[in-house]
């Protein structure tokens, strides 16, 4: 487990992890592990077309961190230092401000992506229900469910450009909130600048 400067866990790697990115492969004898020093990336939705490409990973700021290596019941905490690239004239405060801002933007993007997933799940459930009920005998339920689907679809269309079916469609239809936030992230992450 990698801990941040406030001793909060950043990332945990394990031999028993279900996620491929978090899985440790160990062999008998000497092993080596290299961490990419990135926070978790932004949420992705399969098939979603964004002009700005989404939100990537945020590199941690320079400073002192800690790694905890655990084997069965034994553990060892190892402090380590991430040094700043000397070619950039940024202070520790500049790095912290950039990383904190990028994490806020990533989290807002993730909130939008989760909302889109939830809207799609609810709409699917409502449409499945409509397909199973007798719409003549349950006119009120049908009218209410159609109204809900219409309202949540309007919200989804404000969050994401649902008309985009190919990479060139974003030239014909305006981008929506998730794509705008991805663009903000891209600009703020484009270099080592205060």
C-alpha atoms as a PDB file:
ATOM      1  CA  UNK A   1       0.000   0.000   0.000  1.00  0.00           C
ATOM      2  CA  UNK A   2       1.272   3.455  -0.929  1.00  0.00           C
ATOM      3  CA  UNK A   3       0.385   6.243   1.521  1.00  0.00           C
ATOM      4  CA  UNK A   4       0.240   9.956   0.726  1.00  0.00           C
ATOM      5  CA  UNK A   5       1.796  12.776   2.752  1.00  0.00           C
ATOM      6  CA  UNK A   6      -1.174  12.755   5.159  1.00  0.00           C
ATOM      7  CA  UNK A   7      -0.777   8.984   5.710  1.00  0.00           C
ATOM      8  CA  UNK A   8      -3.939   8.187   3.739  1.00  0.00           C
ATOM      9  CA  UNK A   9      -3.798   5.164   1.388  1.00  0.00           C
ATOM     10  CA  UNK A  10      -3.286   6.132  -2.261  1.00  0.00           C
ATOM     11  CA  UNK A  11      -3.082   2.731  -3.901  1.00  0.00           C
ATOM     12  CA  UNK A  12      -2.929  -0.895  -2.826  1.00  0.00           C
ATOM     13  CA  UNK A  13      -1.342  -3.658  -4.855  1.00  0.00           C
ATOM     14  CA  UNK A  14      -1.862  -7.303  -3.973  1.00  0.00           C
ATOM     15  CA  UNK A  15      -1.279 -10.823  -5.231  1.00  0.00           C
ATOM     16  CA  UNK A  16      -4.992 -11.465  -4.692  1.00  0.00           C
ATOM     17  CA  UNK A  17      -6.302  -8.333  -6.445  1.00  0.00           C
ATOM     18  CA  UNK A  18      -9.099  -8.832  -8.986  1.00  0.00           C
ATOM     19  CA  UNK A  19      -8.065  -5.728 -10.928  1.00  0.00           C
ATOM     20  CA  UNK A  20      -5.227  -6.401 -13.367  1.00  0.00           C
ATOM     21  CA  UNK A  21      -3.680  -2.972 -12.741  1.00  0.00           C
ATOM     22  CA  UNK A  22      -3.468  -3.684  -8.988  1.00  0.00           C
ATOM     23  CA  UNK A  23      -2.247  -7.279  -9.244  1.00  0.00           C
ATOM     24  CA  UNK A  24       1.230  -8.187  -8.032  1.00  0.00           C
ATOM     25  CA  UNK A  25       2.946 -11.103  -9.704  1.00  0.00           C
ATOM     26  CA  UNK A  26       5.668 -12.536  -7.499  1.00  0.00           C
ATOM     27  CA  UNK A  27       8.110 -15.317  -8.108  1.00  0.00           C
ATOM     28  CA  UNK A  28      10.276 -17.289  -5.763  1.00  0.00           C
ATOM     29  CA  UNK A  29      13.419 -15.340  -4.903  1.00  0.00           C
ATOM     30  CA  UNK A  30      14.104 -11.644  -5.550  1.00  0.00           C
ATOM     31  CA  UNK A  31      11.235  -9.508  -6.902  1.00  0.00           C
ATOM     32  CA  UNK A  32      11.039  -5.908  -8.039  1.00  0.00           C
ATOM     33  CA  UNK A  33       8.059  -3.551  -8.087  1.00  0.00           C
ATOM     34  CA  UNK A  34       7.828  -0.215  -9.938  1.00  0.00           C
ATOM     35  CA  UNK A  35       4.947   2.166  -9.208  1.00  0.00           C
ATOM     36  CA  UNK A  36       3.977   4.718 -11.887  1.00  0.00           C
ATOM     37  CA  UNK A  37       3.333   7.382  -9.168  1.00  0.00           C
ATOM     38  CA  UNK A  38      -0.158   8.123 -10.528  1.00  0.00           C
ATOM     39  CA  UNK A  39      -3.441   8.661  -8.772  1.00  0.00           C
ATOM     40  CA  UNK A  40      -6.402   6.674 -10.118  1.00  0.00           C
ATOM     41  CA  UNK A  41      -7.499   7.772 -13.623  1.00  0.00           C
ATOM     42  CA  UNK A  42     -10.841   9.282 -14.558  1.00  0.00           C
ATOM     43  CA  UNK A  43     -13.876   7.056 -15.117  1.00  0.00           C
ATOM     44  CA  UNK A  44     -14.348   5.642 -18.596  1.00  0.00           C
ATOM     45  CA  UNK A  45     -17.571   4.495 -20.216  1.00  0.00           C
ATOM     46  CA  UNK A  46     -17.197   2.024 -23.070  1.00  0.00           C
ATOM     47  CA  UNK A  47     -18.207   3.483 -26.407  1.00  0.00           C
ATOM     48  CA  UNK A  48     -18.301   7.078 -25.150  1.00  0.00           C
ATOM     49  CA  UNK A  49     -16.903   9.547 -27.692  1.00  0.00           C
ATOM     50  CA  UNK A  50     -15.316  12.660 -26.209  1.00  0.00           C
ATOM     51  CA  UNK A  51     -13.625  15.381 -28.234  1.00  0.00           C
ATOM     52  CA  UNK A  52     -11.196  16.048 -25.389  1.00  0.00           C
ATOM     53  CA  UNK A  53     -10.476  12.369 -24.768  1.00  0.00           C
ATOM     54  CA  UNK A  54     -11.533  12.120 -21.147  1.00  0.00           C
ATOM     55  CA  UNK A  55      -9.556  12.526 -17.963  1.00  0.00           C
ATOM     56  CA  UNK A  56      -6.282  10.683 -17.522  1.00  0.00           C
ATOM     57  CA  UNK A  57      -4.072  10.089 -14.532  1.00  0.00           C
ATOM     58  CA  UNK A  58      -2.583  12.649 -12.173  1.00  0.00           C
ATOM     59  CA  UNK A  59       1.066  12.265 -11.184  1.00  0.00           C
ATOM     60  CA  UNK A  60       1.685  12.725  -7.444  1.00  0.00           C
ATOM     61  CA  UNK A  61       3.434  15.870  -6.236  1.00  0.00           C
ATOM     62  CA  UNK A  62       7.035  15.706  -5.061  1.00  0.00           C
ATOM     63  CA  UNK A  63       7.451  14.971  -1.367  1.00  0.00           C
ATOM     64  CA  UNK A  64       7.834  12.221   1.212  1.00  0.00           C
ATOM     65  CA  UNK A  65       5.537   9.210   0.963  1.00  0.00           C
ATOM     66  CA  UNK A  66       5.372   5.797   2.572  1.00  0.00           C
ATOM     67  CA  UNK A  67       4.994   2.265   1.276  1.00  0.00           C
ATOM     68  CA  UNK A  68       3.765  -0.576   3.464  1.00  0.00           C
ATOM     69  CA  UNK A  69       4.893  -4.039   2.419  1.00  0.00           C
ATOM     70  CA  UNK A  70       2.889  -6.814   4.036  1.00  0.00           C
ATOM     71  CA  UNK A  71       3.503 -10.546   3.976  1.00  0.00           C
ATOM     72  CA  UNK A  72       1.117 -12.727   6.003  1.00  0.00           C
ATOM     73  CA  UNK A  73       1.079 -11.028   9.434  1.00  0.00           C
ATOM     74  CA  UNK A  74       4.380  -9.163   9.043  1.00  0.00           C
ATOM     75  CA  UNK A  75       4.589  -5.658   7.626  1.00  0.00           C
ATOM     76  CA  UNK A  76       7.237  -3.033   7.065  1.00  0.00           C
ATOM     77  CA  UNK A  77       6.735   0.698   6.436  1.00  0.00           C
ATOM     78  CA  UNK A  78       9.304   2.212   4.081  1.00  0.00           C
ATOM     79  CA  UNK A  79       9.455   5.991   3.584  1.00  0.00           C
ATOM     80  CA  UNK A  80      10.513   7.251   0.170  1.00  0.00           C
ATOM     81  CA  UNK A  81      10.980  10.625  -1.487  1.00  0.00           C
ATOM     82  CA  UNK A  82       9.633  11.683  -4.859  1.00  0.00           C
ATOM     83  CA  UNK A  83      11.844  14.462  -6.168  1.00  0.00           C
ATOM     84  CA  UNK A  84      10.783  17.282  -8.455  1.00  0.00           C
ATOM     85  CA  UNK A  85      12.140  17.479 -11.985  1.00  0.00           C
ATOM     86  CA  UNK A  86      14.878  20.148 -11.709  1.00  0.00           C
ATOM     87  CA  UNK A  87      14.166  21.464 -15.229  1.00  0.00           C
ATOM     88  CA  UNK A  88      10.888  22.991 -14.025  1.00  0.00           C
ATOM     89  CA  UNK A  89      10.866  26.038 -11.767  1.00  0.00           C
ATOM     90  CA  UNK A  90       7.914  25.023  -9.601  1.00  0.00           C
ATOM     91  CA  UNK A  91       7.753  25.179  -5.828  1.00  0.00           C
ATOM     92  CA  UNK A  92       6.310  22.387  -3.699  1.00  0.00           C
ATOM     93  CA  UNK A  93       3.239  24.589  -3.200  1.00  0.00           C
ATOM     94  CA  UNK A  94       2.862  24.934  -7.001  1.00  0.00           C
ATOM     95  CA  UNK A  95       2.994  21.155  -7.433  1.00  0.00           C
ATOM     96  CA  UNK A  96       0.483  20.622  -4.626  1.00  0.00           C
ATOM     97  CA  UNK A  97      -1.889  23.233  -6.062  1.00  0.00           C
ATOM     98  CA  UNK A  98      -1.739  21.683  -9.542  1.00  0.00           C
ATOM     99  CA  UNK A  99      -2.252  18.130  -8.260  1.00  0.00           C
ATOM    100  CA  UNK A 100      -5.109  19.158  -5.954  1.00  0.00           C
ATOM    101  CA  UNK A 101      -6.845  21.049  -8.770  1.00  0.00           C
ATOM    102  CA  UNK A 102      -6.445  18.143 -11.193  1.00  0.00           C
ATOM    103  CA  UNK A 103      -7.851  15.734  -8.603  1.00  0.00           C
ATOM    104  CA  UNK A 104     -10.862  18.022  -8.061  1.00  0.00           C
ATOM    105  CA  UNK A 105     -11.494  18.154 -11.813  1.00  0.00           C
ATOM    106  CA  UNK A 106     -11.069  14.363 -12.092  1.00  0.00           C
ATOM    107  CA  UNK A 107     -13.518  13.817  -9.224  1.00  0.00           C
ATOM    108  CA  UNK A 108     -16.116  16.132 -10.808  1.00  0.00           C
ATOM    109  CA  UNK A 109     -15.682  14.290 -14.123  1.00  0.00           C
ATOM    110  CA  UNK A 110     -16.123  10.963 -12.294  1.00  0.00           C
ATOM    111  CA  UNK A 111     -19.326  12.263 -10.664  1.00  0.00           C
ATOM    112  CA  UNK A 112     -20.718  13.081 -14.111  1.00  0.00           C
ATOM    113  CA  UNK A 113     -19.696   9.713 -15.538  1.00  0.00           C
ATOM    114  CA  UNK A 114     -21.330   7.892 -12.607  1.00  0.00           C
ATOM    115  CA  UNK A 115     -24.503   9.942 -13.096  1.00  0.00           C
ATOM    116  CA  UNK A 116     -24.587   8.940 -16.777  1.00  0.00           C
ATOM    117  CA  UNK A 117     -24.165   5.272 -15.837  1.00  0.00           C
ATOM    118  CA  UNK A 118     -26.943   5.557 -13.227  1.00  0.00           C
ATOM    119  CA  UNK A 119     -29.285   7.261 -15.703  1.00  0.00           C
ATOM    120  CA  UNK A 120     -28.676   4.509 -18.234  1.00  0.00           C
ATOM    121  CA  UNK A 121     -29.272   1.812 -15.620  1.00  0.00           C
ATOM    122  CA  UNK A 122     -32.539   3.376 -14.418  1.00  0.00           C
ATOM    123  CA  UNK A 123     -33.763   3.939 -17.988  1.00  0.00           C
ATOM    124  CA  UNK A 124     -33.029   0.291 -18.855  1.00  0.00           C
ATOM    125  CA  UNK A 125     -34.900  -0.890 -15.755  1.00  0.00           C
ATOM    126  CA  UNK A 126     -37.908   1.305 -16.553  1.00  0.00           C
ATOM    127  CA  UNK A 127     -37.966   0.184 -20.181  1.00  0.00           C
ATOM    128  CA  UNK A 128     -37.724  -3.460 -19.068  1.00  0.00           C
ATOM    129  CA  UNK A 129     -40.665  -2.921 -16.725  1.00  0.00           C
ATOM    130  CA  UNK A 130     -42.680  -1.266 -19.504  1.00  0.00           C
ATOM    131  CA  UNK A 131     -42.007  -4.257 -21.711  1.00  0.00           C
ATOM    132  CA  UNK A 132     -43.376  -6.656 -19.075  1.00  0.00           C
ATOM    133  CA  UNK A 133     -46.544  -4.848 -18.002  1.00  0.00           C
ATOM    134  CA  UNK A 134     -49.824  -4.553 -19.864  1.00  0.00           C
ATOM    135  CA  UNK A 135     -49.727  -0.883 -20.899  1.00  0.00           C
ATOM    136  CA  UNK A 136     -53.506  -0.717 -21.455  1.00  0.00           C
ATOM    137  CA  UNK A 137     -54.287  -1.957 -17.959  1.00  0.00           C
ATOM    138  CA  UNK A 138     -51.519   0.158 -16.382  1.00  0.00           C
ATOM    139  CA  UNK A 139     -51.858   3.476 -18.218  1.00  0.00           C
ATOM    140  CA  UNK A 140     -50.830   5.542 -15.168  1.00  0.00           C
ATOM    141  CA  UNK A 141     -47.646   3.538 -14.660  1.00  0.00           C
ATOM    142  CA  UNK A 142     -46.853   3.753 -18.369  1.00  0.00           C
ATOM    143  CA  UNK A 143     -47.406   7.542 -18.442  1.00  0.00           C
ATOM    144  CA  UNK A 144     -45.321   8.033 -15.289  1.00  0.00           C
ATOM    145  CA  UNK A 145     -42.493   5.842 -16.527  1.00  0.00           C
ATOM    146  CA  UNK A 146     -42.453   7.581 -19.926  1.00  0.00           C
ATOM    147  CA  UNK A 147     -42.268  10.933 -18.128  1.00  0.00           C
ATOM    148  CA  UNK A 148     -39.363   9.772 -15.948  1.00  0.00           C
ATOM    149  CA  UNK A 149     -37.480   8.391 -18.958  1.00  0.00           C
ATOM    150  CA  UNK A 150     -37.958  11.691 -20.797  1.00  0.00           C
ATOM    151  CA  UNK A 151     -36.704  13.708 -17.813  1.00  0.00           C
ATOM    152  CA  UNK A 152     -33.621  11.597 -17.104  1.00  0.00           C
ATOM    153  CA  UNK A 153     -32.764  11.478 -20.805  1.00  0.00           C
ATOM    154  CA  UNK A 154     -32.788  15.298 -20.842  1.00  0.00           C
ATOM    155  CA  UNK A 155     -30.340  15.258 -17.920  1.00  0.00           C
ATOM    156  CA  UNK A 156     -28.103  12.727 -19.701  1.00  0.00           C
ATOM    157  CA  UNK A 157     -28.123  14.888 -22.849  1.00  0.00           C
ATOM    158  CA  UNK A 158     -26.942  17.865 -20.771  1.00  0.00           C
ATOM    159  CA  UNK A 159     -24.092  15.761 -19.337  1.00  0.00           C
ATOM    160  CA  UNK A 160     -22.998  13.984 -22.551  1.00  0.00           C
ATOM    161  CA  UNK A 161     -23.529  14.509 -26.287  1.00  0.00           C
ATOM    162  CA  UNK A 162     -25.576  11.392 -26.954  1.00  0.00           C
ATOM    163  CA  UNK A 163     -25.755  12.100 -30.707  1.00  0.00           C
ATOM    164  CA  UNK A 164     -22.029  11.362 -31.113  1.00  0.00           C
ATOM    165  CA  UNK A 165     -21.667   7.955 -32.741  1.00  0.00           C
ATOM    166  CA  UNK A 166     -18.243   8.452 -34.368  1.00  0.00           C
ATOM    167  CA  UNK A 167     -15.142  10.533 -33.758  1.00  0.00           C
ATOM    168  CA  UNK A 168     -16.228  13.087 -36.370  1.00  0.00           C
ATOM    169  CA  UNK A 169     -19.715  13.638 -34.911  1.00  0.00           C
ATOM    170  CA  UNK A 170     -18.298  16.028 -32.316  1.00  0.00           C
ATOM    171  CA  UNK A 171     -17.727  18.445 -35.202  1.00  0.00           C
ATOM    172  CA  UNK A 172     -21.478  18.488 -35.888  1.00  0.00           C
ATOM    173  CA  UNK A 173     -22.901  18.415 -32.372  1.00  0.00           C
ATOM    174  CA  UNK A 174     -21.780  20.632 -29.478  1.00  0.00           C
ATOM    175  CA  UNK A 175     -19.863  18.999 -26.638  1.00  0.00           C
ATOM    176  CA  UNK A 176     -21.536  18.713 -23.251  1.00  0.00           C
ATOM    177  CA  UNK A 177     -20.473  19.046 -19.624  1.00  0.00           C
ATOM    178  CA  UNK A 178     -18.333  15.908 -19.295  1.00  0.00           C
ATOM    179  CA  UNK A 179     -16.386  16.813 -22.446  1.00  0.00           C
ATOM    180  CA  UNK A 180     -15.910  20.411 -21.295  1.00  0.00           C
ATOM    181  CA  UNK A 181     -14.547  19.231 -17.961  1.00  0.00           C
ATOM    182  CA  UNK A 182     -12.235  16.806 -19.783  1.00  0.00           C
ATOM    183  CA  UNK A 183     -10.966  19.784 -21.790  1.00  0.00           C
ATOM    184  CA  UNK A 184     -10.323  21.748 -18.600  1.00  0.00           C
ATOM    185  CA  UNK A 185      -8.382  18.792 -17.201  1.00  0.00           C
ATOM    186  CA  UNK A 186      -6.346  18.540 -20.398  1.00  0.00           C
ATOM    187  CA  UNK A 187      -5.292  22.191 -20.269  1.00  0.00           C
ATOM    188  CA  UNK A 188      -4.443  22.120 -16.560  1.00  0.00           C
ATOM    189  CA  UNK A 189      -2.486  18.853 -16.960  1.00  0.00           C
ATOM    190  CA  UNK A 190      -0.594  19.986 -20.065  1.00  0.00           C
ATOM    191  CA  UNK A 191       2.624  20.915 -18.302  1.00  0.00           C
ATOM    192  CA  UNK A 192       4.490  21.635 -15.122  1.00  0.00           C
ATOM    193  CA  UNK A 193       3.205  25.148 -14.553  1.00  0.00           C
ATOM    194  CA  UNK A 194       1.961  26.973 -11.490  1.00  0.00           C
END
